[in-house]
């Protein structure tokens, strides 16, 4: 990267947690100037406006989230172990993988009525995460680990929705008790669908 590209990347990485924590609308240019220690004019050399920077910050947050959960899944070989590993990794929303919390939840709720561009970015990431969950379960089905009659696609959808709901409850209540219960429920269902070898 040349100097301009490095500066642009620096601005994105410094402001990404800010946007994810405060939200796009609530993040002021003065906030951006403070975290980057840059003047307004210097910022606008690299970005047309706050909107363009916010799109880049959303992309960065979503990519960080995806990279971290992918890396977590790669620690395991078996499908069941992978799914359990992901559930454990996401089970403490008070200490999230990305600073500020789940970017899909944060940006998705805010952009629902305000930004079609950000809404679409979040939608694509949700689809990718859900497909990733399906892929893990499909691996287990192909390996003969799970009950062949299990509707694993339906389970993946339910698991995703329960995790996102658990994140919301935990973040609002500042308590992960219910999230832990949801993770246990999902693990029990996976156990019930696991074929026991004799």
N, C-alpha and C. Protein backbone atom coordinates (compact mmCIF):
# COMPACT_ATOMS: atom_id res chain seq x y z
N UNK A 1 0.84 -1.20 0.00
CA UNK A 1 0.00 0.00 0.00
C UNK A 1 0.87 1.25 0.00
N UNK A 2 0.46 2.26 -0.77
CA UNK A 2 1.17 3.53 -0.71
C UNK A 2 0.70 4.32 0.52
N UNK A 3 1.26 5.49 0.71
CA UNK A 3 0.97 6.26 1.92
C UNK A 3 -0.51 6.63 2.03
N UNK A 4 -1.11 7.05 0.92
CA UNK A 4 -2.52 7.43 0.91
C UNK A 4 -3.41 6.24 1.27
N UNK A 5 -3.09 5.07 0.71
CA UNK A 5 -3.87 3.86 1.00
C UNK A 5 -3.73 3.44 2.47
N UNK A 6 -2.51 3.60 3.00
CA UNK A 6 -2.28 3.27 4.41
C UNK A 6 -3.07 4.21 5.32
N UNK A 7 -3.10 5.48 4.97
CA UNK A 7 -3.85 6.45 5.77
C UNK A 7 -5.34 6.16 5.71
N UNK A 8 -5.82 5.84 4.53
CA UNK A 8 -7.23 5.50 4.37
C UNK A 8 -7.60 4.29 5.23
N UNK A 9 -6.73 3.27 5.19
CA UNK A 9 -6.97 2.07 5.98
C UNK A 9 -6.91 2.37 7.47
N UNK A 10 -5.98 3.21 7.86
CA UNK A 10 -5.86 3.64 9.26
C UNK A 10 -7.17 4.28 9.74
N UNK A 11 -7.73 5.15 8.93
CA UNK A 11 -8.98 5.84 9.28
C UNK A 11 -10.11 4.83 9.44
N UNK A 12 -10.19 3.89 8.51
CA UNK A 12 -11.25 2.86 8.58
C UNK A 12 -11.13 2.04 9.87
N UNK A 13 -9.91 1.57 10.16
CA UNK A 13 -9.70 0.72 11.33
C UNK A 13 -9.93 1.47 12.64
N UNK A 14 -9.59 2.75 12.67
CA UNK A 14 -9.81 3.54 13.88
C UNK A 14 -11.29 3.86 14.10
N UNK A 15 -12.02 4.08 13.01
CA UNK A 15 -13.43 4.49 13.15
C UNK A 15 -14.41 3.31 13.17
N UNK A 16 -13.97 2.13 12.72
CA UNK A 16 -14.88 0.98 12.68
C UNK A 16 -15.50 0.67 14.04
N UNK A 17 -14.70 0.58 15.13
CA UNK A 17 -15.31 0.33 16.44
C UNK A 17 -16.24 1.46 16.89
N UNK A 18 -15.92 2.68 16.49
CA UNK A 18 -16.75 3.83 16.83
C UNK A 18 -18.13 3.71 16.19
N UNK A 19 -18.16 3.43 14.89
CA UNK A 19 -19.44 3.27 14.18
C UNK A 19 -20.23 2.09 14.74
N UNK A 20 -19.52 0.99 15.07
CA UNK A 20 -20.21 -0.20 15.57
C UNK A 20 -20.76 0.01 16.98
N UNK A 21 -20.13 0.88 17.74
CA UNK A 21 -20.57 1.14 19.11
C UNK A 21 -21.65 2.22 19.17
N UNK A 22 -21.41 3.33 18.49
CA UNK A 22 -22.34 4.47 18.56
C UNK A 22 -23.44 4.43 17.51
N UNK A 23 -23.17 3.73 16.41
CA UNK A 23 -24.09 3.75 15.28
C UNK A 23 -23.66 4.79 14.27
N UNK A 24 -24.13 4.64 13.04
CA UNK A 24 -23.73 5.54 11.97
C UNK A 24 -24.29 6.94 12.20
N UNK A 25 -25.58 7.02 12.51
CA UNK A 25 -26.22 8.33 12.67
C UNK A 25 -25.64 9.10 13.85
N UNK A 26 -25.34 8.41 14.94
CA UNK A 26 -24.87 9.08 16.16
C UNK A 26 -23.38 9.41 16.14
N UNK A 27 -22.66 8.86 15.18
CA UNK A 27 -21.23 9.16 15.07
C UNK A 27 -21.04 10.48 14.34
N UNK A 28 -20.50 11.44 15.04
CA UNK A 28 -20.28 12.78 14.46
C UNK A 28 -18.88 12.87 13.85
N UNK A 29 -18.71 13.80 12.95
CA UNK A 29 -17.40 14.02 12.34
C UNK A 29 -16.37 14.37 13.42
N UNK A 30 -16.82 15.08 14.46
CA UNK A 30 -15.90 15.42 15.56
C UNK A 30 -15.43 14.16 16.28
N UNK A 31 -16.30 13.15 16.39
CA UNK A 31 -15.91 11.86 16.98
C UNK A 31 -14.82 11.20 16.13
N UNK A 32 -15.01 11.27 14.82
CA UNK A 32 -14.05 10.67 13.88
C UNK A 32 -12.71 11.40 13.98
N UNK A 33 -12.77 12.72 14.05
CA UNK A 33 -11.55 13.52 14.18
C UNK A 33 -10.81 13.17 15.47
N UNK A 34 -11.57 12.93 16.53
CA UNK A 34 -10.96 12.62 17.82
C UNK A 34 -10.23 11.29 17.82
N UNK A 35 -10.87 10.25 17.28
CA UNK A 35 -10.23 8.92 17.32
C UNK A 35 -9.08 8.80 16.32
N UNK A 36 -9.13 9.57 15.24
CA UNK A 36 -8.06 9.50 14.24
C UNK A 36 -6.97 10.54 14.48
N UNK A 37 -7.31 11.53 15.32
CA UNK A 37 -6.39 12.66 15.56
C UNK A 37 -6.05 13.37 14.24
N UNK A 38 -7.10 13.48 13.39
CA UNK A 38 -6.92 14.13 12.10
C UNK A 38 -7.91 15.28 11.95
N UNK A 39 -7.50 16.28 11.18
CA UNK A 39 -8.38 17.42 10.91
C UNK A 39 -9.44 17.01 9.88
N UNK A 40 -10.55 17.73 9.90
CA UNK A 40 -11.66 17.43 8.99
C UNK A 40 -11.21 17.43 7.53
N UNK A 41 -10.40 18.43 7.17
CA UNK A 41 -9.92 18.53 5.80
C UNK A 41 -9.08 17.34 5.40
N UNK A 42 -8.28 16.84 6.32
CA UNK A 42 -7.44 15.67 6.05
C UNK A 42 -8.29 14.42 5.83
N UNK A 43 -9.37 14.29 6.60
CA UNK A 43 -10.27 13.14 6.44
C UNK A 43 -10.90 13.15 5.05
N UNK A 44 -11.32 14.34 4.63
CA UNK A 44 -12.03 14.43 3.35
C UNK A 44 -11.12 14.35 2.13
N UNK A 45 -9.81 14.26 2.38
CA UNK A 45 -8.88 13.94 1.29
C UNK A 45 -9.06 12.47 0.91
N UNK A 46 -9.40 11.65 1.90
CA UNK A 46 -9.48 10.20 1.71
C UNK A 46 -10.90 9.67 1.53
N UNK A 47 -11.89 10.42 1.98
CA UNK A 47 -13.29 10.02 1.86
C UNK A 47 -14.13 11.21 1.43
N UNK A 48 -15.07 10.97 0.53
CA UNK A 48 -15.92 12.05 0.04
C UNK A 48 -16.70 12.70 1.18
N UNK A 49 -17.21 11.86 2.07
CA UNK A 49 -18.05 12.34 3.17
C UNK A 49 -18.15 11.25 4.25
N UNK A 50 -18.87 11.55 5.32
CA UNK A 50 -19.03 10.58 6.41
C UNK A 50 -19.74 9.32 5.91
N UNK A 51 -20.65 9.47 4.98
CA UNK A 51 -21.40 8.33 4.47
C UNK A 51 -20.46 7.30 3.82
N UNK A 52 -19.55 7.78 2.99
CA UNK A 52 -18.61 6.86 2.34
C UNK A 52 -17.75 6.15 3.37
N UNK A 53 -17.28 6.90 4.36
CA UNK A 53 -16.47 6.30 5.43
C UNK A 53 -17.29 5.27 6.20
N UNK A 54 -18.56 5.58 6.47
CA UNK A 54 -19.40 4.64 7.22
C UNK A 54 -19.56 3.32 6.47
N UNK A 55 -19.69 3.37 5.13
CA UNK A 55 -19.80 2.14 4.34
C UNK A 55 -18.54 1.29 4.50
N UNK A 56 -17.38 1.96 4.46
CA UNK A 56 -16.10 1.25 4.61
C UNK A 56 -15.97 0.66 6.02
N UNK A 57 -16.42 1.42 7.03
CA UNK A 57 -16.36 0.95 8.42
C UNK A 57 -17.29 -0.25 8.63
N UNK A 58 -18.46 -0.21 8.02
CA UNK A 58 -19.39 -1.34 8.11
C UNK A 58 -18.75 -2.57 7.48
N UNK A 59 -18.18 -2.40 6.28
CA UNK A 59 -17.50 -3.52 5.61
C UNK A 59 -16.41 -4.11 6.49
N UNK A 60 -15.63 -3.24 7.12
CA UNK A 60 -14.51 -3.67 7.96
C UNK A 60 -15.04 -4.47 9.16
N UNK A 61 -16.06 -3.96 9.83
CA UNK A 61 -16.63 -4.65 10.98
C UNK A 61 -17.20 -6.01 10.60
N UNK A 62 -17.93 -6.06 9.50
CA UNK A 62 -18.51 -7.32 9.06
C UNK A 62 -17.42 -8.32 8.67
N UNK A 63 -16.37 -7.84 8.00
CA UNK A 63 -15.27 -8.72 7.61
C UNK A 63 -14.54 -9.25 8.84
N UNK A 64 -14.31 -8.38 9.83
CA UNK A 64 -13.65 -8.82 11.06
C UNK A 64 -14.45 -9.93 11.74
N UNK A 65 -15.76 -9.73 11.80
CA UNK A 65 -16.64 -10.73 12.41
C UNK A 65 -16.54 -12.05 11.66
N UNK A 66 -16.66 -11.99 10.33
CA UNK A 66 -16.61 -13.21 9.52
C UNK A 66 -15.25 -13.91 9.64
N UNK A 67 -14.18 -13.13 9.59
CA UNK A 67 -12.84 -13.71 9.69
C UNK A 67 -12.64 -14.42 11.03
N UNK A 68 -13.16 -13.81 12.10
CA UNK A 68 -12.96 -14.39 13.43
C UNK A 68 -13.78 -15.66 13.63
N UNK A 69 -15.02 -15.67 13.16
CA UNK A 69 -15.79 -16.90 13.35
C UNK A 69 -15.30 -18.01 12.42
N UNK A 70 -14.79 -17.63 11.24
CA UNK A 70 -14.21 -18.63 10.32
C UNK A 70 -12.96 -19.26 10.94
N UNK A 71 -12.13 -18.41 11.54
CA UNK A 71 -10.91 -18.90 12.19
C UNK A 71 -11.26 -19.82 13.36
N UNK A 72 -12.32 -19.49 14.08
CA UNK A 72 -12.76 -20.33 15.20
C UNK A 72 -13.22 -21.69 14.70
N UNK A 73 -14.01 -21.69 13.63
CA UNK A 73 -14.50 -22.96 13.07
C UNK A 73 -13.36 -23.83 12.58
N UNK A 74 -12.30 -23.21 12.06
CA UNK A 74 -11.17 -23.96 11.52
C UNK A 74 -10.36 -24.69 12.60
N UNK A 75 -10.60 -24.35 13.86
CA UNK A 75 -9.89 -25.02 14.95
C UNK A 75 -10.37 -26.46 15.14
N UNK A 76 -11.52 -26.78 14.57
CA UNK A 76 -12.13 -28.09 14.78
C UNK A 76 -12.24 -28.84 13.45
N UNK A 77 -12.25 -30.17 13.53
CA UNK A 77 -12.36 -30.95 12.30
C UNK A 77 -13.77 -31.50 12.10
N UNK A 78 -14.35 -32.11 13.12
CA UNK A 78 -15.68 -32.69 13.00
C UNK A 78 -16.77 -31.64 12.97
N UNK A 79 -17.87 -31.95 12.27
CA UNK A 79 -18.98 -31.01 12.13
C UNK A 79 -19.61 -30.64 13.48
N UNK A 80 -19.82 -31.65 14.31
CA UNK A 80 -20.43 -31.39 15.62
C UNK A 80 -19.52 -30.51 16.46
N UNK A 81 -18.24 -30.81 16.46
CA UNK A 81 -17.28 -30.02 17.24
C UNK A 81 -17.21 -28.59 16.72
N UNK A 82 -17.27 -28.43 15.40
CA UNK A 82 -17.25 -27.08 14.80
C UNK A 82 -18.46 -26.28 15.26
N UNK A 83 -19.63 -26.91 15.20
CA UNK A 83 -20.85 -26.17 15.56
C UNK A 83 -20.84 -25.82 17.05
N UNK A 84 -20.43 -26.78 17.87
CA UNK A 84 -20.33 -26.52 19.30
C UNK A 84 -19.31 -25.40 19.56
N UNK A 85 -18.20 -25.44 18.84
CA UNK A 85 -17.17 -24.41 19.00
C UNK A 85 -17.69 -23.03 18.67
N UNK A 86 -18.47 -22.92 17.59
CA UNK A 86 -19.06 -21.63 17.23
C UNK A 86 -20.06 -21.15 18.28
N UNK A 87 -20.88 -22.06 18.77
CA UNK A 87 -21.85 -21.71 19.81
C UNK A 87 -21.13 -21.19 21.05
N UNK A 88 -20.07 -21.87 21.44
CA UNK A 88 -19.30 -21.44 22.62
C UNK A 88 -18.65 -20.08 22.37
N UNK A 89 -18.13 -19.89 21.15
CA UNK A 89 -17.44 -18.65 20.81
C UNK A 89 -18.38 -17.45 20.87
N UNK A 90 -19.64 -17.66 20.51
CA UNK A 90 -20.62 -16.57 20.47
C UNK A 90 -21.46 -16.49 21.74
N UNK A 91 -21.14 -17.30 22.73
CA UNK A 91 -22.01 -17.42 23.91
C UNK A 91 -21.87 -16.29 24.93
N UNK A 92 -20.89 -15.41 24.73
CA UNK A 92 -20.72 -14.30 25.68
C UNK A 92 -20.77 -12.96 24.93
N UNK A 93 -21.97 -12.46 24.65
CA UNK A 93 -22.10 -11.21 23.90
C UNK A 93 -21.56 -9.98 24.64
N UNK A 94 -21.26 -10.12 25.92
CA UNK A 94 -20.68 -8.99 26.66
C UNK A 94 -19.18 -8.88 26.37
N UNK A 95 -18.61 -9.93 25.77
CA UNK A 95 -17.21 -9.91 25.31
C UNK A 95 -17.20 -10.40 23.87
N UNK A 96 -17.73 -9.59 22.96
CA UNK A 96 -17.93 -10.03 21.58
C UNK A 96 -16.64 -10.11 20.77
N UNK A 97 -16.67 -10.87 19.66
CA UNK A 97 -15.50 -10.99 18.79
C UNK A 97 -15.08 -9.65 18.18
N UNK A 98 -16.06 -8.76 17.97
CA UNK A 98 -15.80 -7.46 17.37
C UNK A 98 -16.19 -6.37 18.37
N UNK A 99 -15.31 -5.39 18.56
CA UNK A 99 -15.57 -4.32 19.52
C UNK A 99 -16.88 -3.60 19.19
N UNK A 100 -17.74 -3.50 20.20
CA UNK A 100 -19.03 -2.83 20.00
C UNK A 100 -20.18 -3.80 19.87
N UNK A 101 -19.88 -5.08 19.69
CA UNK A 101 -20.94 -6.08 19.60
C UNK A 101 -21.13 -6.60 18.18
N UNK A 102 -22.17 -7.38 17.99
CA UNK A 102 -22.44 -8.01 16.70
C UNK A 102 -22.75 -6.94 15.65
N UNK A 103 -21.91 -6.79 14.62
CA UNK A 103 -22.16 -5.75 13.63
C UNK A 103 -23.42 -6.00 12.80
N UNK A 104 -23.80 -7.26 12.64
CA UNK A 104 -25.04 -7.55 11.90
C UNK A 104 -26.24 -7.03 12.67
N UNK A 105 -26.22 -7.25 13.98
CA UNK A 105 -27.30 -6.76 14.83
C UNK A 105 -27.30 -5.23 14.86
N UNK A 106 -26.14 -4.65 15.14
CA UNK A 106 -26.04 -3.20 15.30
C UNK A 106 -26.41 -2.44 14.03
N UNK A 107 -25.73 -2.78 12.94
CA UNK A 107 -25.98 -2.04 11.70
C UNK A 107 -27.29 -2.44 11.05
N UNK A 108 -27.68 -3.70 11.22
CA UNK A 108 -28.94 -4.16 10.64
C UNK A 108 -30.13 -3.43 11.20
N UNK A 109 -30.17 -3.28 12.52
CA UNK A 109 -31.30 -2.59 13.16
C UNK A 109 -31.34 -1.12 12.77
N UNK A 110 -30.16 -0.50 12.73
CA UNK A 110 -30.12 0.93 12.41
C UNK A 110 -30.43 1.19 10.94
N UNK A 111 -29.90 0.35 10.06
CA UNK A 111 -30.02 0.59 8.62
C UNK A 111 -31.36 0.15 8.04
N UNK A 112 -32.14 -0.57 8.83
CA UNK A 112 -33.40 -1.13 8.35
C UNK A 112 -34.23 -0.09 7.60
N UNK A 113 -34.36 1.10 8.17
CA UNK A 113 -35.18 2.15 7.55
C UNK A 113 -34.36 3.34 7.08
N UNK A 114 -33.04 3.29 7.23
CA UNK A 114 -32.26 4.50 6.96
C UNK A 114 -31.25 4.38 5.83
N UNK A 115 -30.72 3.18 5.59
CA UNK A 115 -29.66 3.04 4.58
C UNK A 115 -29.79 1.73 3.81
N UNK A 116 -30.33 1.78 2.61
CA UNK A 116 -30.43 0.56 1.79
C UNK A 116 -29.07 -0.06 1.51
N UNK A 117 -28.03 0.76 1.39
CA UNK A 117 -26.69 0.24 1.10
C UNK A 117 -26.18 -0.61 2.26
N UNK A 118 -26.26 -0.06 3.48
CA UNK A 118 -25.79 -0.80 4.65
C UNK A 118 -26.69 -2.01 4.91
N UNK A 119 -27.99 -1.83 4.74
CA UNK A 119 -28.92 -2.95 4.93
C UNK A 119 -28.54 -4.13 4.04
N UNK A 120 -28.19 -3.85 2.79
CA UNK A 120 -27.82 -4.91 1.85
C UNK A 120 -26.49 -5.56 2.25
N UNK A 121 -25.54 -4.78 2.73
CA UNK A 121 -24.27 -5.33 3.20
C UNK A 121 -24.52 -6.32 4.35
N UNK A 122 -25.38 -5.91 5.29
CA UNK A 122 -25.70 -6.77 6.43
C UNK A 122 -26.46 -8.01 5.97
N UNK A 123 -27.40 -7.81 5.05
CA UNK A 123 -28.19 -8.94 4.54
C UNK A 123 -27.28 -10.00 3.90
N UNK A 124 -26.31 -9.55 3.10
CA UNK A 124 -25.38 -10.49 2.46
C UNK A 124 -24.56 -11.26 3.50
N UNK A 125 -24.15 -10.56 4.56
CA UNK A 125 -23.36 -11.22 5.61
C UNK A 125 -24.21 -12.23 6.36
N UNK A 126 -25.46 -11.88 6.65
CA UNK A 126 -26.37 -12.82 7.31
C UNK A 126 -26.51 -14.08 6.47
N UNK A 127 -26.71 -13.90 5.17
CA UNK A 127 -26.85 -15.06 4.27
C UNK A 127 -25.59 -15.92 4.30
N UNK A 128 -24.42 -15.28 4.33
CA UNK A 128 -23.15 -16.00 4.36
C UNK A 128 -23.00 -16.79 5.65
N UNK A 129 -23.35 -16.17 6.78
CA UNK A 129 -23.25 -16.85 8.08
C UNK A 129 -24.20 -18.04 8.13
N UNK A 130 -25.45 -17.82 7.70
CA UNK A 130 -26.43 -18.90 7.71
C UNK A 130 -25.99 -20.05 6.81
N UNK A 131 -25.45 -19.72 5.64
CA UNK A 131 -24.98 -20.77 4.74
C UNK A 131 -23.79 -21.52 5.34
N UNK A 132 -22.95 -20.78 6.04
CA UNK A 132 -21.82 -21.41 6.71
C UNK A 132 -22.27 -22.43 7.74
N UNK A 133 -23.34 -22.10 8.46
CA UNK A 133 -23.89 -23.03 9.45
C UNK A 133 -24.45 -24.26 8.75
N UNK A 134 -25.17 -24.03 7.66
CA UNK A 134 -25.71 -25.15 6.87
C UNK A 134 -24.58 -26.04 6.35
N UNK A 135 -23.51 -25.41 5.87
CA UNK A 135 -22.38 -26.17 5.32
C UNK A 135 -21.76 -27.10 6.38
N UNK A 136 -21.64 -26.59 7.60
CA UNK A 136 -21.07 -27.41 8.68
C UNK A 136 -21.97 -28.62 8.93
N UNK A 137 -23.27 -28.38 9.02
CA UNK A 137 -24.21 -29.47 9.29
C UNK A 137 -24.27 -30.45 8.11
N UNK A 138 -24.16 -29.93 6.88
CA UNK A 138 -24.14 -30.81 5.70
C UNK A 138 -22.92 -31.72 5.73
N UNK A 139 -21.80 -31.18 6.20
CA UNK A 139 -20.59 -32.00 6.34
C UNK A 139 -20.87 -33.16 7.29
N UNK A 140 -21.56 -32.85 8.40
CA UNK A 140 -21.92 -33.88 9.37
C UNK A 140 -22.87 -34.91 8.81
N UNK A 141 -23.80 -34.46 7.97
CA UNK A 141 -24.75 -35.39 7.35
C UNK A 141 -24.00 -36.32 6.39
N UNK A 142 -23.09 -35.73 5.60
CA UNK A 142 -22.31 -36.52 4.63
C UNK A 142 -21.40 -37.51 5.33
N UNK A 143 -20.91 -37.13 6.51
CA UNK A 143 -20.02 -38.01 7.28
C UNK A 143 -20.78 -39.04 8.09
N UNK A 144 -22.11 -38.99 8.03
CA UNK A 144 -22.93 -39.96 8.76
C UNK A 144 -22.96 -39.73 10.26
N UNK A 145 -22.67 -38.51 10.68
CA UNK A 145 -22.67 -38.19 12.12
C UNK A 145 -24.07 -37.93 12.63
N UNK A 146 -24.91 -37.32 11.78
CA UNK A 146 -26.25 -36.91 12.21
C UNK A 146 -27.34 -37.80 11.61
N UNK A 147 -28.47 -37.81 12.26
CA UNK A 147 -29.67 -38.53 11.82
C UNK A 147 -30.01 -38.10 10.38
N UNK A 148 -30.09 -39.05 9.45
CA UNK A 148 -30.35 -38.69 8.04
C UNK A 148 -31.70 -38.03 7.82
N UNK A 149 -32.63 -38.17 8.76
CA UNK A 149 -33.96 -37.55 8.63
C UNK A 149 -34.04 -36.16 9.27
N UNK A 150 -32.93 -35.71 9.83
CA UNK A 150 -32.92 -34.41 10.52
C UNK A 150 -33.08 -33.28 9.51
N UNK A 151 -33.99 -32.35 9.81
CA UNK A 151 -34.13 -31.15 8.97
C UNK A 151 -33.09 -30.14 9.44
N UNK A 152 -31.85 -30.36 9.02
CA UNK A 152 -30.73 -29.54 9.51
C UNK A 152 -30.79 -28.11 8.99
N UNK A 153 -31.40 -27.90 7.82
CA UNK A 153 -31.53 -26.53 7.30
C UNK A 153 -32.45 -25.70 8.20
N UNK A 154 -33.52 -26.31 8.61
CA UNK A 154 -34.44 -25.63 9.53
C UNK A 154 -33.75 -25.34 10.86
N UNK A 155 -32.96 -26.31 11.32
CA UNK A 155 -32.23 -26.13 12.58
C UNK A 155 -31.23 -24.97 12.46
N UNK A 156 -30.52 -24.88 11.33
CA UNK A 156 -29.53 -23.81 11.14
C UNK A 156 -30.21 -22.44 11.21
N UNK A 157 -31.38 -22.33 10.60
CA UNK A 157 -32.13 -21.07 10.64
C UNK A 157 -32.53 -20.74 12.07
N UNK A 158 -33.02 -21.74 12.77
CA UNK A 158 -33.44 -21.55 14.16
C UNK A 158 -32.24 -21.18 15.03
N UNK A 159 -31.12 -21.86 14.82
CA UNK A 159 -29.92 -21.59 15.62
C UNK A 159 -29.45 -20.16 15.41
N UNK A 160 -29.44 -19.71 14.16
CA UNK A 160 -29.00 -18.34 13.87
C UNK A 160 -29.92 -17.33 14.58
N UNK A 161 -31.22 -17.54 14.44
CA UNK A 161 -32.19 -16.61 15.04
C UNK A 161 -32.08 -16.60 16.57
N UNK A 162 -31.87 -17.77 17.16
CA UNK A 162 -31.74 -17.85 18.62
C UNK A 162 -30.47 -17.16 19.11
N UNK A 163 -29.38 -17.32 18.37
CA UNK A 163 -28.13 -16.67 18.75
C UNK A 163 -28.27 -15.15 18.68
N UNK A 164 -28.83 -14.65 17.58
CA UNK A 164 -29.01 -13.20 17.44
C UNK A 164 -29.95 -12.66 18.52
N UNK A 165 -31.02 -13.40 18.80
CA UNK A 165 -31.94 -12.99 19.87
C UNK A 165 -31.25 -12.99 21.22
N UNK A 166 -30.43 -14.01 21.46
CA UNK A 166 -29.69 -14.09 22.71
C UNK A 166 -28.70 -12.96 22.87
N UNK A 167 -28.09 -12.56 21.75
CA UNK A 167 -27.16 -11.42 21.78
C UNK A 167 -27.89 -10.16 22.21
N UNK A 168 -29.06 -9.92 21.63
CA UNK A 168 -29.84 -8.74 21.97
C UNK A 168 -30.21 -8.73 23.45
N UNK A 169 -30.74 -9.83 23.94
CA UNK A 169 -31.15 -9.92 25.35
C UNK A 169 -29.95 -9.70 26.27
N UNK A 170 -28.84 -10.35 25.96
CA UNK A 170 -27.64 -10.23 26.80
C UNK A 170 -27.10 -8.81 26.83
N UNK A 171 -27.06 -8.16 25.66
CA UNK A 171 -26.52 -6.80 25.59
C UNK A 171 -27.42 -5.80 26.34
N UNK A 172 -28.72 -5.99 26.22
CA UNK A 172 -29.65 -5.08 26.89
C UNK A 172 -29.66 -5.29 28.40
N UNK A 173 -29.66 -6.56 28.81
CA UNK A 173 -29.74 -6.88 30.24
C UNK A 173 -28.39 -6.88 30.93
N UNK A 174 -27.30 -6.87 30.14
CA UNK A 174 -25.94 -6.99 30.69
C UNK A 174 -25.79 -8.28 31.48
N UNK A 175 -26.44 -9.34 30.97
CA UNK A 175 -26.45 -10.64 31.65
C UNK A 175 -26.47 -11.73 30.57
N UNK A 176 -25.54 -12.68 30.65
CA UNK A 176 -25.47 -13.73 29.62
C UNK A 176 -26.18 -15.02 30.03
N UNK A 177 -26.90 -14.99 31.13
CA UNK A 177 -27.56 -16.22 31.62
C UNK A 177 -28.48 -16.83 30.57
N UNK A 178 -29.34 -16.01 29.98
CA UNK A 178 -30.30 -16.54 29.00
C UNK A 178 -29.58 -17.01 27.73
N UNK A 179 -28.52 -16.33 27.36
CA UNK A 179 -27.75 -16.75 26.19
C UNK A 179 -27.15 -18.13 26.43
N UNK A 180 -26.62 -18.36 27.62
CA UNK A 180 -26.06 -19.67 27.96
C UNK A 180 -27.14 -20.75 27.87
N UNK A 181 -28.35 -20.42 28.31
CA UNK A 181 -29.47 -21.37 28.24
C UNK A 181 -29.79 -21.71 26.78
N UNK A 182 -29.81 -20.68 25.90
CA UNK A 182 -30.10 -20.92 24.49
C UNK A 182 -29.04 -21.80 23.85
N UNK A 183 -27.78 -21.55 24.18
CA UNK A 183 -26.69 -22.37 23.65
C UNK A 183 -26.85 -23.82 24.10
N UNK A 184 -27.21 -24.02 25.36
CA UNK A 184 -27.43 -25.38 25.87
C UNK A 184 -28.58 -26.07 25.15
N UNK A 185 -29.65 -25.33 24.86
CA UNK A 185 -30.80 -25.88 24.13
C UNK A 185 -30.37 -26.35 22.74
N UNK A 186 -29.60 -25.52 22.06
CA UNK A 186 -29.13 -25.88 20.71
C UNK A 186 -28.19 -27.07 20.75
N UNK A 187 -27.32 -27.11 21.73
CA UNK A 187 -26.40 -28.25 21.86
C UNK A 187 -27.17 -29.55 22.13
N UNK A 188 -28.19 -29.46 22.97
CA UNK A 188 -29.00 -30.66 23.27
C UNK A 188 -29.66 -31.19 22.01
N UNK A 189 -30.17 -30.28 21.18
CA UNK A 189 -30.82 -30.74 19.94
C UNK A 189 -29.81 -31.40 19.01
N UNK A 190 -28.62 -30.84 18.94
CA UNK A 190 -27.57 -31.46 18.11
C UNK A 190 -27.21 -32.84 18.67
N UNK A 191 -27.10 -32.93 19.99
CA UNK A 191 -26.82 -34.24 20.62
C UNK A 191 -27.91 -35.25 20.28
N UNK A 192 -29.16 -34.81 20.31
CA UNK A 192 -30.30 -35.70 20.02
C UNK A 192 -30.26 -36.22 18.58
N UNK A 193 -29.68 -35.41 17.68
CA UNK A 193 -29.62 -35.80 16.28
C UNK A 193 -28.29 -36.47 15.90
N UNK A 194 -27.43 -36.67 16.90
CA UNK A 194 -26.13 -37.32 16.64
C UNK A 194 -26.28 -38.84 16.75
N UNK A 195 -25.78 -39.52 15.77
CA UNK A 195 -25.85 -40.98 15.75
C UNK A 195 -24.77 -41.53 16.68
N UNK A 196 -25.20 -42.34 17.62
CA UNK A 196 -24.26 -42.92 18.58
C UNK A 196 -23.69 -44.21 17.98
N UNK A 197 -22.39 -44.27 17.85
CA UNK A 197 -21.72 -45.45 17.29
C UNK A 197 -21.44 -46.46 18.41
N UNK A 198 -21.70 -47.71 18.14
CA UNK A 198 -21.46 -48.75 19.14
C UNK A 198 -20.22 -49.55 18.79
